[in-house]
């Protein structure tokens, strides 16, 4: 049996921020081949491994990349520290280990895919959704070993830029920086929810830069909007038309919120898996956005997110994983896949 903890440590020792996943792919591909996977890299850089020969198609999709900020890899008190320990190399390691148990299956084919650039453009997930048609999808993100994530909020990023001829500071003419801050507050007052959590919409100011040039004043601002299921994109367009003024305001494509039903064979399989491993299943709705949103736009199949770890440690300098969680998550995945194998996709 493959040592999943050892695999995770080696994965963490390979620093792979978005756009620089090649070394991790070069390491993982022969490892997966040695476990019985048939592997390939697609044109996007995704690593795809298939195992088993059944008609039921199960996709376990994790991401190879991490956010920037290397953390020295070390073990301490049953925990392992390193960038990606939680988000989300541990889930991918558990996927590889669990899937390897189905090399001789004639009822299920397991595809383990490591996608690129989840933390930035999600181009890996966009490529996969055009090329595959699974029956069940599990996205590798931290939910804790006994948790099942059913949904994520949507997202839009907004870029605001304005550059005007310089005026005397003693005049009443609003400065670009003042207009940018005013735009942000009006946007927040219009769209921010009074509630919090999955059912809310939040507007966050993530970056603002001003330039005081000899003859011009310039401001560039970036906003992050996390959207609820009832968010209206046309209302945002109308707001920009009415309040953008002289600024150039651009938005990224809206990634809609996603929420899966509890009533699916996939969810039932994971509930059974968690119980058999000794846990009490819980359901989660996340306030962030993940590749699950992108896949659910196209695939009308049961989809959840699952993986070991505490998601509050995502992207933090203290990112670490309790190694026992990794073992339990792998066990849950094996049980859940067995249940899907037994059901034959019915």
C-alpha atoms as a PDB file:
ATOM      1  CA  UNK A   1       0.000   0.000   0.000  1.00  0.00           C
ATOM      2  CA  UNK A   2       1.275   3.450  -0.902  1.00  0.00           C
ATOM      3  CA  UNK A   3       2.463   5.631   1.976  1.00  0.00           C
ATOM      4  CA  UNK A   4       0.262   8.710   1.500  1.00  0.00           C
ATOM      5  CA  UNK A   5       1.979  10.674   4.265  1.00  0.00           C
ATOM      6  CA  UNK A   6       5.373  10.223   2.629  1.00  0.00           C
ATOM      7  CA  UNK A   7       3.908  11.202  -0.732  1.00  0.00           C
ATOM      8  CA  UNK A   8       2.433  14.381   0.731  1.00  0.00           C
ATOM      9  CA  UNK A   9       5.744  15.386   2.282  1.00  0.00           C
ATOM     10  CA  UNK A  10       7.526  15.037  -1.058  1.00  0.00           C
ATOM     11  CA  UNK A  11       4.773  17.029  -2.770  1.00  0.00           C
ATOM     12  CA  UNK A  12       5.129  19.829  -0.207  1.00  0.00           C
ATOM     13  CA  UNK A  13       8.891  19.929  -0.741  1.00  0.00           C
ATOM     14  CA  UNK A  14       8.252  20.852  -4.376  1.00  0.00           C
ATOM     15  CA  UNK A  15       7.224  24.514  -4.341  1.00  0.00           C
ATOM     16  CA  UNK A  16       4.563  24.965  -7.052  1.00  0.00           C
ATOM     17  CA  UNK A  17       2.903  28.390  -7.076  1.00  0.00           C
ATOM     18  CA  UNK A  18       0.427  29.063  -9.885  1.00  0.00           C
ATOM     19  CA  UNK A  19       2.100  28.902 -13.269  1.00  0.00           C
ATOM     20  CA  UNK A  20       5.051  26.904 -11.960  1.00  0.00           C
ATOM     21  CA  UNK A  21       3.607  23.418 -11.517  1.00  0.00           C
ATOM     22  CA  UNK A  22       5.935  21.563 -13.924  1.00  0.00           C
ATOM     23  CA  UNK A  23       8.311  20.128 -11.305  1.00  0.00           C
ATOM     24  CA  UNK A  24       5.424  18.697  -9.313  1.00  0.00           C
ATOM     25  CA  UNK A  25       3.989  17.105 -12.452  1.00  0.00           C
ATOM     26  CA  UNK A  26       7.395  15.629 -13.287  1.00  0.00           C
ATOM     27  CA  UNK A  27       7.502  14.070  -9.824  1.00  0.00           C
ATOM     28  CA  UNK A  28       3.914  12.805  -9.680  1.00  0.00           C
ATOM     29  CA  UNK A  29       3.594  11.298 -13.147  1.00  0.00           C
ATOM     30  CA  UNK A  30       6.022   8.376 -12.621  1.00  0.00           C
ATOM     31  CA  UNK A  31       4.672   7.865  -9.090  1.00  0.00           C
ATOM     32  CA  UNK A  32       1.163   7.446 -10.463  1.00  0.00           C
ATOM     33  CA  UNK A  33       2.390   5.204 -13.287  1.00  0.00           C
ATOM     34  CA  UNK A  34       4.031   2.991 -10.669  1.00  0.00           C
ATOM     35  CA  UNK A  35       0.696   2.673  -8.868  1.00  0.00           C
ATOM     36  CA  UNK A  36      -1.074   1.467 -11.999  1.00  0.00           C
ATOM     37  CA  UNK A  37      -2.433   4.711 -13.415  1.00  0.00           C
ATOM     38  CA  UNK A  38      -2.330   5.443 -17.131  1.00  0.00           C
ATOM     39  CA  UNK A  39      -1.187   9.049 -17.235  1.00  0.00           C
ATOM     40  CA  UNK A  40      -0.828  11.941 -19.631  1.00  0.00           C
ATOM     41  CA  UNK A  41      -0.396  15.691 -19.613  1.00  0.00           C
ATOM     42  CA  UNK A  42      -2.838  17.793 -21.581  1.00  0.00           C
ATOM     43  CA  UNK A  43      -1.968  20.956 -23.493  1.00  0.00           C
ATOM     44  CA  UNK A  44      -2.806  23.111 -20.474  1.00  0.00           C
ATOM     45  CA  UNK A  45      -0.313  21.320 -18.232  1.00  0.00           C
ATOM     46  CA  UNK A  46      -2.861  19.289 -16.251  1.00  0.00           C
ATOM     47  CA  UNK A  47      -1.776  15.838 -15.073  1.00  0.00           C
ATOM     48  CA  UNK A  48      -4.416  13.195 -15.804  1.00  0.00           C
ATOM     49  CA  UNK A  49      -4.303   9.658 -14.420  1.00  0.00           C
ATOM     50  CA  UNK A  50      -6.877   6.930 -15.092  1.00  0.00           C
ATOM     51  CA  UNK A  51      -7.234   3.610 -13.315  1.00  0.00           C
ATOM     52  CA  UNK A  52      -9.849   0.834 -13.499  1.00  0.00           C
ATOM     53  CA  UNK A  53     -12.010  -0.127 -16.476  1.00  0.00           C
ATOM     54  CA  UNK A  54     -15.600   0.251 -15.374  1.00  0.00           C
ATOM     55  CA  UNK A  55     -18.443   2.111 -17.036  1.00  0.00           C
ATOM     56  CA  UNK A  56     -18.986   4.329 -13.987  1.00  0.00           C
ATOM     57  CA  UNK A  57     -16.717   7.366 -14.364  1.00  0.00           C
ATOM     58  CA  UNK A  58     -15.556   9.038 -11.138  1.00  0.00           C
ATOM     59  CA  UNK A  59     -13.417  12.179 -11.341  1.00  0.00           C
ATOM     60  CA  UNK A  60     -11.248  13.171  -8.376  1.00  0.00           C
ATOM     61  CA  UNK A  61      -9.953  16.630  -9.268  1.00  0.00           C
ATOM     62  CA  UNK A  62      -7.323  18.395  -7.179  1.00  0.00           C
ATOM     63  CA  UNK A  63      -5.028  21.293  -7.935  1.00  0.00           C
ATOM     64  CA  UNK A  64      -1.271  21.224  -8.304  1.00  0.00           C
ATOM     65  CA  UNK A  65      -0.655  24.883  -7.567  1.00  0.00           C
ATOM     66  CA  UNK A  66      -0.517  26.923  -4.391  1.00  0.00           C
ATOM     67  CA  UNK A  67      -0.537  30.600  -3.581  1.00  0.00           C
ATOM     68  CA  UNK A  68       2.825  32.366  -3.365  1.00  0.00           C
ATOM     69  CA  UNK A  69       4.862  32.166  -0.177  1.00  0.00           C
ATOM     70  CA  UNK A  70       7.104  29.202   0.487  1.00  0.00           C
ATOM     71  CA  UNK A  71       6.874  27.609   3.950  1.00  0.00           C
ATOM     72  CA  UNK A  72       9.715  25.317   5.141  1.00  0.00           C
ATOM     73  CA  UNK A  73       8.416  21.757   5.292  1.00  0.00           C
ATOM     74  CA  UNK A  74       8.601  20.184   8.734  1.00  0.00           C
ATOM     75  CA  UNK A  75       6.780  17.752  11.011  1.00  0.00           C
ATOM     76  CA  UNK A  76       5.873  18.679  14.570  1.00  0.00           C
ATOM     77  CA  UNK A  77       3.504  17.083  17.059  1.00  0.00           C
ATOM     78  CA  UNK A  78       1.640  15.009  14.505  1.00  0.00           C
ATOM     79  CA  UNK A  79       1.299  17.940  12.089  1.00  0.00           C
ATOM     80  CA  UNK A  80       3.044  18.660   8.812  1.00  0.00           C
ATOM     81  CA  UNK A  81       3.780  22.249   7.833  1.00  0.00           C
ATOM     82  CA  UNK A  82       4.253  23.518   4.294  1.00  0.00           C
ATOM     83  CA  UNK A  83       2.640  25.559   1.551  1.00  0.00           C
ATOM     84  CA  UNK A  84      -0.184  23.410   0.201  1.00  0.00           C
ATOM     85  CA  UNK A  85      -0.494  21.210   3.302  1.00  0.00           C
ATOM     86  CA  UNK A  86      -4.154  22.221   3.498  1.00  0.00           C
ATOM     87  CA  UNK A  87      -4.813  23.975   0.185  1.00  0.00           C
ATOM     88  CA  UNK A  88      -4.717  21.485  -1.319  1.00  0.00           C
ATOM     89  CA  UNK A  89      -1.892  19.013  -1.933  1.00  0.00           C
ATOM     90  CA  UNK A  90      -3.181  16.826   0.893  1.00  0.00           C
ATOM     91  CA  UNK A  91      -6.461  16.241  -0.961  1.00  0.00           C
ATOM     92  CA  UNK A  92      -4.595  15.360  -4.159  1.00  0.00           C
ATOM     93  CA  UNK A  93      -2.321  12.949  -2.264  1.00  0.00           C
ATOM     94  CA  UNK A  94      -5.387  11.287  -0.715  1.00  0.00           C
ATOM     95  CA  UNK A  95      -6.994  11.043  -4.171  1.00  0.00           C
ATOM     96  CA  UNK A  96      -3.915   9.357  -5.641  1.00  0.00           C
ATOM     97  CA  UNK A  97      -3.703   6.895  -2.759  1.00  0.00           C
ATOM     98  CA  UNK A  98      -7.404   6.017  -2.743  1.00  0.00           C
ATOM     99  CA  UNK A  99      -7.671   5.678  -6.506  1.00  0.00           C
ATOM    100  CA  UNK A 100      -4.733   3.272  -6.624  1.00  0.00           C
ATOM    101  CA  UNK A 101      -6.927   0.669  -4.892  1.00  0.00           C
ATOM    102  CA  UNK A 102      -9.114   0.340  -8.000  1.00  0.00           C
ATOM    103  CA  UNK A 103      -6.546  -0.859 -10.545  1.00  0.00           C
ATOM    104  CA  UNK A 104      -8.418  -4.137 -11.035  1.00  0.00           C
ATOM    105  CA  UNK A 105     -11.943  -2.744 -10.977  1.00  0.00           C
ATOM    106  CA  UNK A 106     -14.232  -3.710 -13.846  1.00  0.00           C
ATOM    107  CA  UNK A 107     -17.096  -1.582 -12.497  1.00  0.00           C
ATOM    108  CA  UNK A 108     -15.570   1.859 -11.987  1.00  0.00           C
ATOM    109  CA  UNK A 109     -12.938   3.996 -13.692  1.00  0.00           C
ATOM    110  CA  UNK A 110     -11.307   6.564 -11.448  1.00  0.00           C
ATOM    111  CA  UNK A 111      -9.684   9.612 -12.993  1.00  0.00           C
ATOM    112  CA  UNK A 112      -7.341  11.546 -10.706  1.00  0.00           C
ATOM    113  CA  UNK A 113      -6.559  14.933 -12.214  1.00  0.00           C
ATOM    114  CA  UNK A 114      -4.170  17.574 -10.929  1.00  0.00           C
ATOM    115  CA  UNK A 115      -5.092  20.883 -12.542  1.00  0.00           C
ATOM    116  CA  UNK A 116      -2.995  24.005 -12.919  1.00  0.00           C
ATOM    117  CA  UNK A 117      -3.624  27.608 -11.851  1.00  0.00           C
ATOM    118  CA  UNK A 118      -6.611  27.051  -9.568  1.00  0.00           C
ATOM    119  CA  UNK A 119      -5.418  29.938  -7.430  1.00  0.00           C
ATOM    120  CA  UNK A 120      -5.333  32.381 -10.365  1.00  0.00           C
ATOM    121  CA  UNK A 121      -7.034  31.789 -13.730  1.00  0.00           C
ATOM    122  CA  UNK A 122      -8.498  28.274 -13.221  1.00  0.00           C
ATOM    123  CA  UNK A 123      -7.456  27.526 -16.796  1.00  0.00           C
ATOM    124  CA  UNK A 124      -6.811  23.904 -15.816  1.00  0.00           C
ATOM    125  CA  UNK A 125     -10.415  23.386 -14.715  1.00  0.00           C
ATOM    126  CA  UNK A 126     -11.774  25.125 -17.819  1.00  0.00           C
ATOM    127  CA  UNK A 127      -9.760  22.728 -19.996  1.00  0.00           C
ATOM    128  CA  UNK A 128     -10.903  19.620 -18.112  1.00  0.00           C
ATOM    129  CA  UNK A 129     -14.586  20.481 -18.308  1.00  0.00           C
ATOM    130  CA  UNK A 130     -14.352  20.620 -22.109  1.00  0.00           C
ATOM    131  CA  UNK A 131     -12.607  17.242 -22.421  1.00  0.00           C
ATOM    132  CA  UNK A 132     -14.290  14.961 -19.858  1.00  0.00           C
ATOM    133  CA  UNK A 133     -17.811  13.759 -19.029  1.00  0.00           C
ATOM    134  CA  UNK A 134     -17.776  12.026 -15.614  1.00  0.00           C
ATOM    135  CA  UNK A 135     -20.711  10.558 -13.707  1.00  0.00           C
ATOM    136  CA  UNK A 136     -19.507  11.835 -10.319  1.00  0.00           C
ATOM    137  CA  UNK A 137     -17.081  14.620  -9.373  1.00  0.00           C
ATOM    138  CA  UNK A 138     -15.117  15.216  -6.173  1.00  0.00           C
ATOM    139  CA  UNK A 139     -13.070  18.420  -6.006  1.00  0.00           C
ATOM    140  CA  UNK A 140     -10.083  18.378  -3.673  1.00  0.00           C
ATOM    141  CA  UNK A 141     -10.454  21.195  -1.148  1.00  0.00           C
ATOM    142  CA  UNK A 142     -10.230  21.161   2.659  1.00  0.00           C
ATOM    143  CA  UNK A 143     -13.500  20.237   4.330  1.00  0.00           C
ATOM    144  CA  UNK A 144     -11.996  18.260   7.256  1.00  0.00           C
ATOM    145  CA  UNK A 145     -12.003  14.481   6.899  1.00  0.00           C
ATOM    146  CA  UNK A 146     -15.555  14.198   8.253  1.00  0.00           C
ATOM    147  CA  UNK A 147     -17.028  17.142   6.325  1.00  0.00           C
ATOM    148  CA  UNK A 148     -18.639  17.371   2.875  1.00  0.00           C
ATOM    149  CA  UNK A 149     -18.692  20.708   1.065  1.00  0.00           C
ATOM    150  CA  UNK A 150     -21.876  21.230  -0.952  1.00  0.00           C
ATOM    151  CA  UNK A 151     -21.404  24.788  -2.151  1.00  0.00           C
ATOM    152  CA  UNK A 152     -19.255  27.857  -2.755  1.00  0.00           C
ATOM    153  CA  UNK A 153     -20.112  31.463  -3.389  1.00  0.00           C
ATOM    154  CA  UNK A 154     -19.475  32.946  -6.813  1.00  0.00           C
ATOM    155  CA  UNK A 155     -16.961  35.655  -7.648  1.00  0.00           C
ATOM    156  CA  UNK A 156     -16.193  38.645  -9.860  1.00  0.00           C
ATOM    157  CA  UNK A 157     -13.045  40.776  -9.856  1.00  0.00           C
ATOM    158  CA  UNK A 158     -13.358  44.419 -10.750  1.00  0.00           C
ATOM    159  CA  UNK A 159     -10.541  46.709 -11.930  1.00  0.00           C
ATOM    160  CA  UNK A 160     -10.992  50.491 -11.659  1.00  0.00           C
ATOM    161  CA  UNK A 161      -8.505  52.852 -13.306  1.00  0.00           C
ATOM    162  CA  UNK A 162      -8.512  56.624 -13.769  1.00  0.00           C
ATOM    163  CA  UNK A 163      -5.861  59.105 -14.922  1.00  0.00           C
ATOM    164  CA  UNK A 164      -6.612  62.863 -15.241  1.00  0.00           C
ATOM    165  CA  UNK A 165      -4.720  66.099 -15.707  1.00  0.00           C
ATOM    166  CA  UNK A 166      -3.344  67.424 -12.450  1.00  0.00           C
ATOM    167  CA  UNK A 167      -5.282  70.185 -10.661  1.00  0.00           C
ATOM    168  CA  UNK A 168      -4.337  72.416  -7.739  1.00  0.00           C
ATOM    169  CA  UNK A 169      -4.971  70.746  -4.399  1.00  0.00           C
ATOM    170  CA  UNK A 170      -6.744  73.894  -3.195  1.00  0.00           C
ATOM    171  CA  UNK A 171      -9.550  73.452  -5.742  1.00  0.00           C
ATOM    172  CA  UNK A 172     -12.781  71.563  -5.098  1.00  0.00           C
ATOM    173  CA  UNK A 173     -12.258  69.190  -8.036  1.00  0.00           C
ATOM    174  CA  UNK A 174     -12.361  65.578  -6.713  1.00  0.00           C
ATOM    175  CA  UNK A 175      -9.065  63.752  -7.029  1.00  0.00           C
ATOM    176  CA  UNK A 176      -8.983  60.331  -8.764  1.00  0.00           C
ATOM    177  CA  UNK A 177      -8.173  58.638  -5.455  1.00  0.00           C
ATOM    178  CA  UNK A 178     -11.225  60.272  -3.835  1.00  0.00           C
ATOM    179  CA  UNK A 179     -13.448  59.210  -6.720  1.00  0.00           C
ATOM    180  CA  UNK A 180     -12.139  55.649  -6.510  1.00  0.00           C
ATOM    181  CA  UNK A 181     -12.868  55.430  -2.776  1.00  0.00           C
ATOM    182  CA  UNK A 182     -16.321  56.940  -3.351  1.00  0.00           C
ATOM    183  CA  UNK A 183     -17.024  54.351  -6.071  1.00  0.00           C
ATOM    184  CA  UNK A 184     -15.991  51.550  -3.693  1.00  0.00           C
ATOM    185  CA  UNK A 185     -18.251  52.782  -0.883  1.00  0.00           C
ATOM    186  CA  UNK A 186     -21.223  53.220  -3.216  1.00  0.00           C
ATOM    187  CA  UNK A 187     -20.684  49.742  -4.640  1.00  0.00           C
ATOM    188  CA  UNK A 188     -20.470  48.240  -1.168  1.00  0.00           C
ATOM    189  CA  UNK A 189     -23.585  50.101  -0.001  1.00  0.00           C
ATOM    190  CA  UNK A 190     -25.491  48.847  -3.050  1.00  0.00           C
ATOM    191  CA  UNK A 191     -24.450  45.197  -3.131  1.00  0.00           C
ATOM    192  CA  UNK A 192     -23.107  44.194   0.291  1.00  0.00           C
ATOM    193  CA  UNK A 193     -25.513  41.961   2.203  1.00  0.00           C
ATOM    194  CA  UNK A 194     -26.528  42.756   5.755  1.00  0.00           C
ATOM    195  CA  UNK A 195     -26.044  39.066   6.565  1.00  0.00           C
ATOM    196  CA  UNK A 196     -22.833  37.043   6.346  1.00  0.00           C
ATOM    197  CA  UNK A 197     -21.892  33.578   5.118  1.00  0.00           C
ATOM    198  CA  UNK A 198     -22.761  31.597   2.020  1.00  0.00           C
ATOM    199  CA  UNK A 199     -26.017  33.457   1.285  1.00  0.00           C
ATOM    200  CA  UNK A 200     -24.361  36.894   1.318  1.00  0.00           C
ATOM    201  CA  UNK A 201     -22.600  39.104  -1.233  1.00  0.00           C
ATOM    202  CA  UNK A 202     -19.406  40.843  -0.091  1.00  0.00           C
ATOM    203  CA  UNK A 203     -17.421  43.624  -1.760  1.00  0.00           C
ATOM    204  CA  UNK A 204     -13.770  43.837  -0.695  1.00  0.00           C
ATOM    205  CA  UNK A 205     -11.104  46.386  -1.608  1.00  0.00           C
ATOM    206  CA  UNK A 206      -8.024  44.238  -2.250  1.00  0.00           C
ATOM    207  CA  UNK A 207      -5.613  46.786  -3.726  1.00  0.00           C
ATOM    208  CA  UNK A 208      -5.363  50.520  -4.450  1.00  0.00           C
ATOM    209  CA  UNK A 209      -2.352  52.375  -5.898  1.00  0.00           C
ATOM    210  CA  UNK A 210      -2.008  56.086  -6.654  1.00  0.00           C
ATOM    211  CA  UNK A 211       0.603  57.846  -8.755  1.00  0.00           C
ATOM    212  CA  UNK A 212       1.429  61.542  -8.400  1.00  0.00           C
ATOM    213  CA  UNK A 213       3.057  62.339 -11.754  1.00  0.00           C
ATOM    214  CA  UNK A 214       4.223  65.843 -12.807  1.00  0.00           C
ATOM    215  CA  UNK A 215       1.145  66.511 -14.947  1.00  0.00           C
ATOM    216  CA  UNK A 216      -1.302  63.711 -14.088  1.00  0.00           C
ATOM    217  CA  UNK A 217      -2.979  62.052 -11.105  1.00  0.00           C
ATOM    218  CA  UNK A 218      -3.619  58.326 -11.472  1.00  0.00           C
ATOM    219  CA  UNK A 219      -5.372  55.658  -9.406  1.00  0.00           C
ATOM    220  CA  UNK A 220      -5.705  51.904  -9.943  1.00  0.00           C
ATOM    221  CA  UNK A 221      -7.999  49.897  -7.688  1.00  0.00           C
ATOM    222  CA  UNK A 222      -8.929  46.207  -7.530  1.00  0.00           C
ATOM    223  CA  UNK A 223     -12.112  44.917  -5.908  1.00  0.00           C
ATOM    224  CA  UNK A 224     -13.122  41.346  -5.122  1.00  0.00           C
ATOM    225  CA  UNK A 225     -16.853  40.595  -5.128  1.00  0.00           C
ATOM    226  CA  UNK A 226     -18.092  37.304  -3.673  1.00  0.00           C
ATOM    227  CA  UNK A 227     -21.616  36.622  -4.842  1.00  0.00           C
ATOM    228  CA  UNK A 228     -24.640  34.781  -3.529  1.00  0.00           C
ATOM    229  CA  UNK A 229     -26.874  32.493  -5.580  1.00  0.00           C
ATOM    230  CA  UNK A 230     -29.321  35.348  -6.329  1.00  0.00           C
ATOM    231  CA  UNK A 231     -26.693  37.885  -7.450  1.00  0.00           C
ATOM    232  CA  UNK A 232     -27.782  39.844 -10.557  1.00  0.00           C
ATOM    233  CA  UNK A 233     -24.878  40.567 -12.926  1.00  0.00           C
ATOM    234  CA  UNK A 234     -26.969  43.034 -14.961  1.00  0.00           C
ATOM    235  CA  UNK A 235     -27.475  45.193 -11.861  1.00  0.00           C
ATOM    236  CA  UNK A 236     -23.678  45.417 -11.516  1.00  0.00           C
ATOM    237  CA  UNK A 237     -23.339  46.472 -15.162  1.00  0.00           C
ATOM    238  CA  UNK A 238     -25.968  49.170 -14.620  1.00  0.00           C
ATOM    239  CA  UNK A 239     -24.168  50.394 -11.499  1.00  0.00           C
ATOM    240  CA  UNK A 240     -20.897  50.718 -13.410  1.00  0.00           C
ATOM    241  CA  UNK A 241     -22.598  52.668 -16.208  1.00  0.00           C
ATOM    242  CA  UNK A 242     -24.159  55.070 -13.703  1.00  0.00           C
ATOM    243  CA  UNK A 243     -21.249  55.506 -11.284  1.00  0.00           C
ATOM    244  CA  UNK A 244     -18.063  54.786 -13.242  1.00  0.00           C
ATOM    245  CA  UNK A 245     -17.647  58.414 -14.348  1.00  0.00           C
ATOM    246  CA  UNK A 246     -14.411  59.014 -16.276  1.00  0.00           C
ATOM    247  CA  UNK A 247     -12.813  55.840 -14.944  1.00  0.00           C
ATOM    248  CA  UNK A 248     -12.156  52.698 -16.932  1.00  0.00           C
ATOM    249  CA  UNK A 249     -13.976  49.901 -15.097  1.00  0.00           C
ATOM    250  CA  UNK A 250     -13.538  46.289 -16.182  1.00  0.00           C
ATOM    251  CA  UNK A 251     -14.807  43.059 -14.668  1.00  0.00           C
ATOM    252  CA  UNK A 252     -13.807  39.450 -15.038  1.00  0.00           C
ATOM    253  CA  UNK A 253     -16.284  36.825 -16.116  1.00  0.00           C
ATOM    254  CA  UNK A 254     -18.800  36.104 -13.353  1.00  0.00           C
ATOM    255  CA  UNK A 255     -18.292  32.656 -11.819  1.00  0.00           C
ATOM    256  CA  UNK A 256     -21.730  31.813 -10.370  1.00  0.00           C
ATOM    257  CA  UNK A 257     -22.288  30.395  -6.906  1.00  0.00           C
ATOM    258  CA  UNK A 258     -22.860  26.637  -6.704  1.00  0.00           C
ATOM    259  CA  UNK A 259     -24.862  24.492  -4.306  1.00  0.00           C
ATOM    260  CA  UNK A 260     -25.249  20.730  -4.673  1.00  0.00           C
ATOM    261  CA  UNK A 261     -28.077  18.611  -3.356  1.00  0.00           C
ATOM    262  CA  UNK A 262     -27.593  16.341  -0.370  1.00  0.00           C
ATOM    263  CA  UNK A 263     -29.796  13.806  -2.129  1.00  0.00           C
ATOM    264  CA  UNK A 264     -27.364  12.061  -4.455  1.00  0.00           C
ATOM    265  CA  UNK A 265     -25.625   8.709  -4.557  1.00  0.00           C
ATOM    266  CA  UNK A 266     -22.299  10.532  -4.313  1.00  0.00           C
ATOM    267  CA  UNK A 267     -23.217  12.287  -1.078  1.00  0.00           C
ATOM    268  CA  UNK A 268     -24.654   9.046   0.319  1.00  0.00           C
ATOM    269  CA  UNK A 269     -21.401   7.259  -0.483  1.00  0.00           C
ATOM    270  CA  UNK A 270     -19.377   9.845   1.427  1.00  0.00           C
ATOM    271  CA  UNK A 271     -21.773   9.850   4.371  1.00  0.00           C
ATOM    272  CA  UNK A 272     -21.329   6.087   4.557  1.00  0.00           C
ATOM    273  CA  UNK A 273     -17.565   6.402   4.229  1.00  0.00           C
ATOM    274  CA  UNK A 274     -17.264   8.944   7.036  1.00  0.00           C
ATOM    275  CA  UNK A 275     -19.437   6.836   9.326  1.00  0.00           C
ATOM    276  CA  UNK A 276     -17.498   3.654   8.618  1.00  0.00           C
ATOM    277  CA  UNK A 277     -14.240   5.419   9.475  1.00  0.00           C
ATOM    278  CA  UNK A 278     -15.755   6.541  12.790  1.00  0.00           C
ATOM    279  CA  UNK A 279     -16.872  10.098  12.092  1.00  0.00           C
ATOM    280  CA  UNK A 280     -20.084  12.083  12.199  1.00  0.00           C
ATOM    281  CA  UNK A 281     -20.713  13.631   8.761  1.00  0.00           C
ATOM    282  CA  UNK A 282     -21.270  17.375   8.494  1.00  0.00           C
ATOM    283  CA  UNK A 283     -22.182  19.584   5.532  1.00  0.00           C
ATOM    284  CA  UNK A 284     -20.466  22.835   4.639  1.00  0.00           C
ATOM    285  CA  UNK A 285     -21.177  25.850   2.443  1.00  0.00           C
ATOM    286  CA  UNK A 286     -18.026  27.892   1.789  1.00  0.00           C
ATOM    287  CA  UNK A 287     -17.767  31.669   1.398  1.00  0.00           C
ATOM    288  CA  UNK A 288     -14.932  31.421  -1.129  1.00  0.00           C
ATOM    289  CA  UNK A 289     -14.898  30.204  -4.738  1.00  0.00           C
ATOM    290  CA  UNK A 290     -13.276  27.054  -6.148  1.00  0.00           C
ATOM    291  CA  UNK A 291     -12.984  24.950  -9.288  1.00  0.00           C
ATOM    292  CA  UNK A 292     -16.206  23.268  -8.185  1.00  0.00           C
ATOM    293  CA  UNK A 293     -18.068  26.399  -9.363  1.00  0.00           C
ATOM    294  CA  UNK A 294     -16.507  26.184 -12.820  1.00  0.00           C
ATOM    295  CA  UNK A 295     -17.194  22.484 -13.328  1.00  0.00           C
ATOM    296  CA  UNK A 296     -20.784  22.751 -12.088  1.00  0.00           C
ATOM    297  CA  UNK A 297     -21.532  25.386 -14.737  1.00  0.00           C
ATOM    298  CA  UNK A 298     -21.195  22.705 -17.427  1.00  0.00           C
ATOM    299  CA  UNK A 299     -21.645  19.313 -15.797  1.00  0.00           C
ATOM    300  CA  UNK A 300     -25.091  18.452 -14.443  1.00  0.00           C
ATOM    301  CA  UNK A 301     -23.811  15.555 -12.348  1.00  0.00           C
ATOM    302  CA  UNK A 302     -23.418  15.032  -8.580  1.00  0.00           C
ATOM    303  CA  UNK A 303     -20.467  17.131  -7.396  1.00  0.00           C
ATOM    304  CA  UNK A 304     -18.973  17.873  -3.974  1.00  0.00           C
ATOM    305  CA  UNK A 305     -15.708  19.151  -2.544  1.00  0.00           C
ATOM    306  CA  UNK A 306     -13.802  17.018  -0.061  1.00  0.00           C
ATOM    307  CA  UNK A 307     -10.376  16.893   1.521  1.00  0.00           C
ATOM    308  CA  UNK A 308      -8.529  16.837   4.833  1.00  0.00           C
ATOM    309  CA  UNK A 309      -7.608  19.995   6.676  1.00  0.00           C
ATOM    310  CA  UNK A 310      -8.891  23.176   8.281  1.00  0.00           C
ATOM    311  CA  UNK A 311      -9.751  25.687   5.560  1.00  0.00           C
ATOM    312  CA  UNK A 312      -9.151  28.626   7.916  1.00  0.00           C
ATOM    313  CA  UNK A 313      -5.429  27.857   7.432  1.00  0.00           C
ATOM    314  CA  UNK A 314      -5.629  28.358   3.643  1.00  0.00           C
ATOM    315  CA  UNK A 315      -3.024  30.835   2.360  1.00  0.00           C
ATOM    316  CA  UNK A 316      -1.714  31.576   5.869  1.00  0.00           C
ATOM    317  CA  UNK A 317       1.930  31.546   7.079  1.00  0.00           C
ATOM    318  CA  UNK A 318       0.933  28.817   9.571  1.00  0.00           C
ATOM    319  CA  UNK A 319      -0.515  26.390   6.997  1.00  0.00           C
ATOM    320  CA  UNK A 320      -0.340  22.860   8.379  1.00  0.00           C
ATOM    321  CA  UNK A 321      -2.222  19.581   8.430  1.00  0.00           C
ATOM    322  CA  UNK A 322      -2.819  17.005  11.132  1.00  0.00           C
ATOM    323  CA  UNK A 323      -1.434  13.885   9.462  1.00  0.00           C
ATOM    324  CA  UNK A 324      -4.084  11.652  11.013  1.00  0.00           C
ATOM    325  CA  UNK A 325      -6.644  13.616   8.986  1.00  0.00           C
ATOM    326  CA  UNK A 326      -4.860  12.610   5.796  1.00  0.00           C
ATOM    327  CA  UNK A 327      -5.082   8.925   6.695  1.00  0.00           C
ATOM    328  CA  UNK A 328      -8.750   9.158   7.569  1.00  0.00           C
ATOM    329  CA  UNK A 329      -9.605  11.099   4.426  1.00  0.00           C
ATOM    330  CA  UNK A 330      -7.917   8.436   2.317  1.00  0.00           C
ATOM    331  CA  UNK A 331      -9.938   5.738   4.094  1.00  0.00           C
ATOM    332  CA  UNK A 332     -13.185   7.654   3.547  1.00  0.00           C
ATOM    333  CA  UNK A 333     -12.405   7.993  -0.149  1.00  0.00           C
ATOM    334  CA  UNK A 334     -11.754   4.262  -0.532  1.00  0.00           C
ATOM    335  CA  UNK A 335     -15.038   3.387   1.171  1.00  0.00           C
ATOM    336  CA  UNK A 336     -16.976   5.952  -0.859  1.00  0.00           C
ATOM    337  CA  UNK A 337     -15.471   4.730  -4.135  1.00  0.00           C
ATOM    338  CA  UNK A 338     -16.298   1.144  -3.167  1.00  0.00           C
ATOM    339  CA  UNK A 339     -19.906   2.155  -2.623  1.00  0.00           C
ATOM    340  CA  UNK A 340     -20.054   3.836  -6.028  1.00  0.00           C
ATOM    341  CA  UNK A 341     -18.445   0.753  -7.558  1.00  0.00           C
ATOM    342  CA  UNK A 342     -21.049  -1.494  -5.946  1.00  0.00           C
ATOM    343  CA  UNK A 343     -23.896   0.691  -7.161  1.00  0.00           C
ATOM    344  CA  UNK A 344     -22.683   0.477 -10.758  1.00  0.00           C
ATOM    345  CA  UNK A 345     -23.673   4.090 -11.273  1.00  0.00           C
ATOM    346  CA  UNK A 346     -27.370   3.341 -10.827  1.00  0.00           C
END
